[in-house]
PDB file of all heavy atoms in Angstrom:
ATOM      1  N   VAL A   1       0.464   9.422   1.390  1.00  0.00           N
ATOM      2  CA  VAL A   1      -0.698   8.681   1.872  1.00  0.00           C
ATOM      3  C   VAL A   1      -1.801   9.711   2.065  1.00  0.00           C
ATOM      4  O   VAL A   1      -1.654  10.646   2.863  1.00  0.00           O
ATOM      5  CB  VAL A   1      -0.409   7.921   3.179  1.00  0.00           C
ATOM      6  CG1 VAL A   1      -1.682   7.276   3.709  1.00  0.00           C
ATOM      7  CG2 VAL A   1       0.674   6.866   2.960  1.00  0.00           C
ATOM      8  N   ILE A   2      -2.880   9.552   1.305  1.00  0.00           N
ATOM      9  CA  ILE A   2      -3.996  10.482   1.357  1.00  0.00           C
ATOM     10  C   ILE A   2      -5.112   9.847   2.178  1.00  0.00           C
ATOM     11  O   ILE A   2      -5.635   8.794   1.811  1.00  0.00           O
ATOM     12  CB  ILE A   2      -4.484  10.825  -0.059  1.00  0.00           C
ATOM     13  CG1 ILE A   2      -3.334  11.449  -0.857  1.00  0.00           C
ATOM     14  CG2 ILE A   2      -5.695  11.754  -0.002  1.00  0.00           C
ATOM     15  CD1 ILE A   2      -3.596  11.557  -2.336  1.00  0.00           C
ATOM     16  N   VAL A   3      -5.444  10.490   3.305  1.00  0.00           N
ATOM     17  CA  VAL A   3      -6.484  10.002   4.199  1.00  0.00           C
ATOM     18  C   VAL A   3      -7.680  10.952   4.070  1.00  0.00           C
ATOM     19  O   VAL A   3      -7.608  12.096   4.518  1.00  0.00           O
ATOM     20  CB  VAL A   3      -6.001   9.939   5.662  1.00  0.00           C
ATOM     21  CG1 VAL A   3      -7.076   9.356   6.564  1.00  0.00           C
ATOM     22  CG2 VAL A   3      -4.700   9.142   5.776  1.00  0.00           C
ATOM     23  N   PRO A   4      -8.760  10.493   3.419  1.00  0.00           N
ATOM     24  CA  PRO A   4      -9.911  11.381   3.193  1.00  0.00           C
ATOM     25  C   PRO A   4     -10.445  11.963   4.503  1.00  0.00           C
ATOM     26  O   PRO A   4     -10.574  11.258   5.494  1.00  0.00           O
ATOM     27  CB  PRO A   4     -10.963  10.465   2.558  1.00  0.00           C
ATOM     28  CG  PRO A   4     -10.221   9.283   2.072  1.00  0.00           C
ATOM     29  CD  PRO A   4      -9.006   9.142   2.942  1.00  0.00           C
ATOM     30  N   GLY A   5     -10.709  13.261   4.476  1.00  0.00           N
ATOM     31  CA  GLY A   5     -11.253  13.927   5.645  1.00  0.00           C
ATOM     32  C   GLY A   5     -10.212  14.279   6.696  1.00  0.00           C
ATOM     33  O   GLY A   5     -10.519  14.947   7.675  1.00  0.00           O
ATOM     34  N   LEU A   6      -8.973  13.807   6.541  1.00  0.00           N
ATOM     35  CA  LEU A   6      -7.919  14.081   7.511  1.00  0.00           C
ATOM     36  C   LEU A   6      -6.807  14.909   6.873  1.00  0.00           C
ATOM     37  O   LEU A   6      -6.502  15.999   7.307  1.00  0.00           O
ATOM     38  CB  LEU A   6      -7.357  12.776   8.085  1.00  0.00           C
ATOM     39  CG  LEU A   6      -6.257  12.913   9.128  1.00  0.00           C
ATOM     40  CD1 LEU A   6      -6.761  13.666  10.356  1.00  0.00           C
ATOM     41  CD2 LEU A   6      -5.721  11.552   9.527  1.00  0.00           C
ATOM     42  N   GLY A   7      -6.161  14.351   5.831  1.00  0.00           N
ATOM     43  CA  GLY A   7      -5.075  15.067   5.169  1.00  0.00           C
ATOM     44  C   GLY A   7      -4.116  14.123   4.482  1.00  0.00           C
ATOM     45  O   GLY A   7      -4.423  12.944   4.256  1.00  0.00           O
ATOM     46  N   THR A   8      -2.925  14.636   4.169  1.00  0.00           N
ATOM     47  CA  THR A   8      -1.924  13.887   3.406  1.00  0.00           C
ATOM     48  C   THR A   8      -0.611  13.822   4.177  1.00  0.00           C
ATOM     49  O   THR A   8      -0.122  14.837   4.673  1.00  0.00           O
ATOM     50  CB  THR A   8      -1.688  14.564   2.040  1.00  0.00           C
ATOM     51  OG1 THR A   8      -2.929  14.620   1.339  1.00  0.00           O
ATOM     52  CG2 THR A   8      -0.682  13.787   1.204  1.00  0.00           C
ATOM     53  N   PHE A   9      -0.056  12.618   4.256  1.00  0.00           N
ATOM     54  CA  PHE A   9       1.254  12.373   4.854  1.00  0.00           C
ATOM     55  C   PHE A   9       2.223  12.129   3.700  1.00  0.00           C
ATOM     56  O   PHE A   9       2.021  11.215   2.895  1.00  0.00           O
ATOM     57  CB  PHE A   9       1.212  11.145   5.764  1.00  0.00           C
ATOM     58  CG  PHE A   9       0.331  11.331   6.966  1.00  0.00           C
ATOM     59  CD1 PHE A   9      -1.038  11.128   6.888  1.00  0.00           C
ATOM     60  CD2 PHE A   9       0.874  11.704   8.186  1.00  0.00           C
ATOM     61  CE1 PHE A   9      -1.856  11.308   7.991  1.00  0.00           C
ATOM     62  CE2 PHE A   9       0.068  11.879   9.301  1.00  0.00           C
ATOM     63  CZ  PHE A   9      -1.299  11.689   9.204  1.00  0.00           C
ATOM     64  N   THR A  10       3.273  12.934   3.602  1.00  0.00           N
ATOM     65  CA  THR A  10       4.217  12.848   2.487  1.00  0.00           C
ATOM     66  C   THR A  10       5.629  12.662   3.013  1.00  0.00           C
ATOM     67  O   THR A  10       6.012  13.286   4.006  1.00  0.00           O
ATOM     68  CB  THR A  10       4.164  14.134   1.637  1.00  0.00           C
ATOM     69  OG1 THR A  10       2.825  14.356   1.206  1.00  0.00           O
ATOM     70  CG2 THR A  10       5.062  14.029   0.417  1.00  0.00           C
ATOM     71  N   GLY A  11       6.398  11.823   2.322  1.00  0.00           N
ATOM     72  CA  GLY A  11       7.792  11.643   2.688  1.00  0.00           C
ATOM     73  C   GLY A  11       8.342  10.344   2.157  1.00  0.00           C
ATOM     74  O   GLY A  11       7.700   9.649   1.360  1.00  0.00           O
ATOM     75  N   PRO A  12       9.536   9.982   2.608  1.00  0.00           N
ATOM     76  CA  PRO A  12      10.176   8.757   2.145  1.00  0.00           C
ATOM     77  C   PRO A  12       9.561   7.517   2.801  1.00  0.00           C
ATOM     78  O   PRO A  12       9.322   7.503   4.006  1.00  0.00           O
ATOM     79  CB  PRO A  12      11.638   8.934   2.563  1.00  0.00           C
ATOM     80  CG  PRO A  12      11.590   9.863   3.722  1.00  0.00           C
ATOM     81  CD  PRO A  12      10.401  10.753   3.503  1.00  0.00           C
ATOM     82  N   PHE A  13       9.291   6.518   1.994  1.00  0.00           N
ATOM     83  CA  PHE A  13       8.770   5.233   2.457  1.00  0.00           C
ATOM     84  C   PHE A  13       9.610   4.116   1.842  1.00  0.00           C
ATOM     85  O   PHE A  13      10.338   4.328   0.876  1.00  0.00           O
ATOM     86  CB  PHE A  13       7.313   5.036   2.003  1.00  0.00           C
ATOM     87  CG  PHE A  13       6.292   5.768   2.815  1.00  0.00           C
ATOM     88  CD1 PHE A  13       5.973   7.090   2.538  1.00  0.00           C
ATOM     89  CD2 PHE A  13       5.608   5.136   3.853  1.00  0.00           C
ATOM     90  CE1 PHE A  13       5.014   7.769   3.269  1.00  0.00           C
ATOM     91  CE2 PHE A  13       4.646   5.813   4.589  1.00  0.00           C
ATOM     92  CZ  PHE A  13       4.344   7.127   4.291  1.00  0.00           C
ATOM     93  N   PHE A  14       9.489   2.937   2.400  1.00  0.00           N
ATOM     94  CA  PHE A  14       9.993   1.727   1.759  1.00  0.00           C
ATOM     95  C   PHE A  14       9.060   0.586   2.113  1.00  0.00           C
ATOM     96  O   PHE A  14       8.264   0.687   3.043  1.00  0.00           O
ATOM     97  CB  PHE A  14      11.455   1.420   2.123  1.00  0.00           C
ATOM     98  CG  PHE A  14      11.704   1.103   3.572  1.00  0.00           C
ATOM     99  CD1 PHE A  14      11.853  -0.211   3.992  1.00  0.00           C
ATOM    100  CD2 PHE A  14      11.816   2.113   4.516  1.00  0.00           C
ATOM    101  CE1 PHE A  14      12.090  -0.508   5.315  1.00  0.00           C
ATOM    102  CE2 PHE A  14      12.057   1.833   5.848  1.00  0.00           C
ATOM    103  CZ  PHE A  14      12.192   0.506   6.246  1.00  0.00           C
ATOM    104  N   VAL A  15       9.133  -0.488   1.350  1.00  0.00           N
ATOM    105  CA  VAL A  15       8.249  -1.630   1.537  1.00  0.00           C
ATOM    106  C   VAL A  15       8.964  -2.654   2.400  1.00  0.00           C
ATOM    107  O   VAL A  15      10.050  -3.122   2.053  1.00  0.00           O
ATOM    108  CB  VAL A  15       7.835  -2.243   0.178  1.00  0.00           C
ATOM    109  CG1 VAL A  15       7.014  -3.496   0.375  1.00  0.00           C
ATOM    110  CG2 VAL A  15       7.057  -1.211  -0.632  1.00  0.00           C
ATOM    111  N   THR A  16       8.361  -2.985   3.547  1.00  0.00           N
ATOM    112  CA  THR A  16       8.967  -3.974   4.443  1.00  0.00           C
ATOM    113  C   THR A  16       8.456  -5.375   4.175  1.00  0.00           C
ATOM    114  O   THR A  16       9.089  -6.348   4.577  1.00  0.00           O
ATOM    115  CB  THR A  16       8.683  -3.644   5.918  1.00  0.00           C
ATOM    116  OG1 THR A  16       7.263  -3.626   6.124  1.00  0.00           O
ATOM    117  CG2 THR A  16       9.281  -2.311   6.303  1.00  0.00           C
ATOM    118  N   ASP A  17       7.304  -5.484   3.526  1.00  0.00           N
ATOM    119  CA  ASP A  17       6.711  -6.792   3.285  1.00  0.00           C
ATOM    120  C   ASP A  17       5.914  -6.728   1.979  1.00  0.00           C
ATOM    121  O   ASP A  17       5.064  -5.856   1.823  1.00  0.00           O
ATOM    122  CB  ASP A  17       5.796  -7.163   4.452  1.00  0.00           C
ATOM    123  CG  ASP A  17       5.361  -8.608   4.430  1.00  0.00           C
ATOM    124  OD1 ASP A  17       6.169  -9.466   4.055  1.00  0.00           O
ATOM    125  OD2 ASP A  17       4.195  -8.870   4.777  1.00  0.00           O
ATOM    126  N   PHE A  18       6.222  -7.618   1.053  1.00  0.00           N
ATOM    127  CA  PHE A  18       5.491  -7.690  -0.202  1.00  0.00           C
ATOM    128  C   PHE A  18       5.191  -9.154  -0.487  1.00  0.00           C
ATOM    129  O   PHE A  18       6.057 -10.005  -0.335  1.00  0.00           O
ATOM    130  CB  PHE A  18       6.318  -7.117  -1.365  1.00  0.00           C
ATOM    131  CG  PHE A  18       5.588  -7.147  -2.670  1.00  0.00           C
ATOM    132  CD1 PHE A  18       4.775  -6.095  -3.051  1.00  0.00           C
ATOM    133  CD2 PHE A  18       5.686  -8.239  -3.509  1.00  0.00           C
ATOM    134  CE1 PHE A  18       4.072  -6.127  -4.246  1.00  0.00           C
ATOM    135  CE2 PHE A  18       4.991  -8.289  -4.707  1.00  0.00           C
ATOM    136  CZ  PHE A  18       4.179  -7.226  -5.072  1.00  0.00           C
ATOM    137  N   GLU A  19       3.962  -9.417  -0.898  1.00  0.00           N
ATOM    138  CA  GLU A  19       3.578 -10.791  -1.221  1.00  0.00           C
ATOM    139  C   GLU A  19       2.728 -10.799  -2.483  1.00  0.00           C
ATOM    140  O   GLU A  19       1.783 -10.029  -2.610  1.00  0.00           O
ATOM    141  CB  GLU A  19       2.785 -11.400  -0.072  1.00  0.00           C
ATOM    142  CG  GLU A  19       2.384 -12.841  -0.311  1.00  0.00           C
ATOM    143  CD  GLU A  19       1.651 -13.430   0.873  1.00  0.00           C
ATOM    144  OE1 GLU A  19       2.175 -13.356   1.999  1.00  0.00           O
ATOM    145  OE2 GLU A  19       0.546 -13.959   0.663  1.00  0.00           O
ATOM    146  N   ALA A  20       3.092 -11.666  -3.414  1.00  0.00           N
ATOM    147  CA  ALA A  20       2.269 -11.912  -4.601  1.00  0.00           C
ATOM    148  C   ALA A  20       1.575 -13.253  -4.386  1.00  0.00           C
ATOM    149  O   ALA A  20       2.156 -14.197  -3.841  1.00  0.00           O
ATOM    150  CB  ALA A  20       3.135 -11.962  -5.857  1.00  0.00           C
ATOM    151  N   SER A  21       0.309 -13.339  -4.798  1.00  0.00           N
ATOM    152  CA  SER A  21      -0.434 -14.573  -4.588  1.00  0.00           C
ATOM    153  C   SER A  21      -1.426 -14.774  -5.727  1.00  0.00           C
ATOM    154  O   SER A  21      -1.768 -13.855  -6.455  1.00  0.00           O
ATOM    155  CB  SER A  21      -1.180 -14.531  -3.248  1.00  0.00           C
ATOM    156  OG  SER A  21      -2.085 -13.443  -3.227  1.00  0.00           O
ATOM    157  N   GLY A  22      -1.866 -15.986  -5.861  1.00  0.00           N
ATOM    158  CA  GLY A  22      -2.853 -16.304  -6.883  1.00  0.00           C
ATOM    159  C   GLY A  22      -3.214 -17.772  -6.820  1.00  0.00           C
ATOM    160  O   GLY A  22      -2.536 -18.572  -6.195  1.00  0.00           O
ATOM    161  N   ASP A  23      -4.321 -18.107  -7.458  1.00  0.00           N
ATOM    162  CA  ASP A  23      -4.708 -19.509  -7.541  1.00  0.00           C
ATOM    163  C   ASP A  23      -4.911 -19.870  -9.011  1.00  0.00           C
ATOM    164  O   ASP A  23      -4.601 -19.087  -9.907  1.00  0.00           O
ATOM    165  CB  ASP A  23      -5.941 -19.814  -6.684  1.00  0.00           C
ATOM    166  CG  ASP A  23      -7.175 -19.025  -7.091  1.00  0.00           C
ATOM    167  OD1 ASP A  23      -7.290 -18.664  -8.276  1.00  0.00           O
ATOM    168  OD2 ASP A  23      -8.040 -18.789  -6.235  1.00  0.00           O
ATOM    169  N   MET A  24      -5.436 -21.018  -9.261  1.00  0.00           N
ATOM    170  CA  MET A  24      -5.541 -21.540 -10.623  1.00  0.00           C
ATOM    171  C   MET A  24      -6.435 -20.699 -11.539  1.00  0.00           C
ATOM    172  O   MET A  24      -6.182 -20.611 -12.731  1.00  0.00           O
ATOM    173  CB  MET A  24      -6.074 -22.977 -10.595  1.00  0.00           C
ATOM    174  CG  MET A  24      -5.146 -23.949  -9.918  1.00  0.00           C
ATOM    175  SD  MET A  24      -3.652 -24.241 -10.841  1.00  0.00           S
ATOM    176  CE  MET A  24      -4.300 -25.175 -12.208  1.00  0.00           C
ATOM    177  N   GLU A  25      -7.488 -20.104 -11.002  1.00  0.00           N
ATOM    178  CA  GLU A  25      -8.459 -19.448 -11.861  1.00  0.00           C
ATOM    179  C   GLU A  25      -8.478 -17.932 -11.784  1.00  0.00           C
ATOM    180  O   GLU A  25      -8.869 -17.274 -12.739  1.00  0.00           O
ATOM    181  CB  GLU A  25      -9.866 -19.985 -11.544  1.00  0.00           C
ATOM    182  CG  GLU A  25     -10.011 -21.452 -11.889  1.00  0.00           C
ATOM    183  CD  GLU A  25     -11.411 -21.964 -11.612  1.00  0.00           C
ATOM    184  OE1 GLU A  25     -12.184 -21.279 -10.925  1.00  0.00           O
ATOM    185  OE2 GLU A  25     -11.718 -23.060 -12.096  1.00  0.00           O
ATOM    186  N   ASN A  26      -8.104 -17.375 -10.658  1.00  0.00           N
ATOM    187  CA  ASN A  26      -8.210 -15.926 -10.485  1.00  0.00           C
ATOM    188  C   ASN A  26      -6.936 -15.211 -10.902  1.00  0.00           C
ATOM    189  O   ASN A  26      -5.886 -15.825 -11.087  1.00  0.00           O
ATOM    190  CB  ASN A  26      -8.546 -15.599  -9.033  1.00  0.00           C
ATOM    191  CG  ASN A  26      -9.924 -16.090  -8.656  1.00  0.00           C
ATOM    192  OD1 ASN A  26     -10.867 -15.935  -9.420  1.00  0.00           O
ATOM    193  ND2 ASN A  26     -10.036 -16.717  -7.499  1.00  0.00           N
TER     194      ASN A  26
END
């Protein structure tokens, strides 16, 4: 995770919540 002006956090992550979405036109 690169935070401009602060620095970088590096290490193991996992996704706790994922959502796909969409409508008719977009």
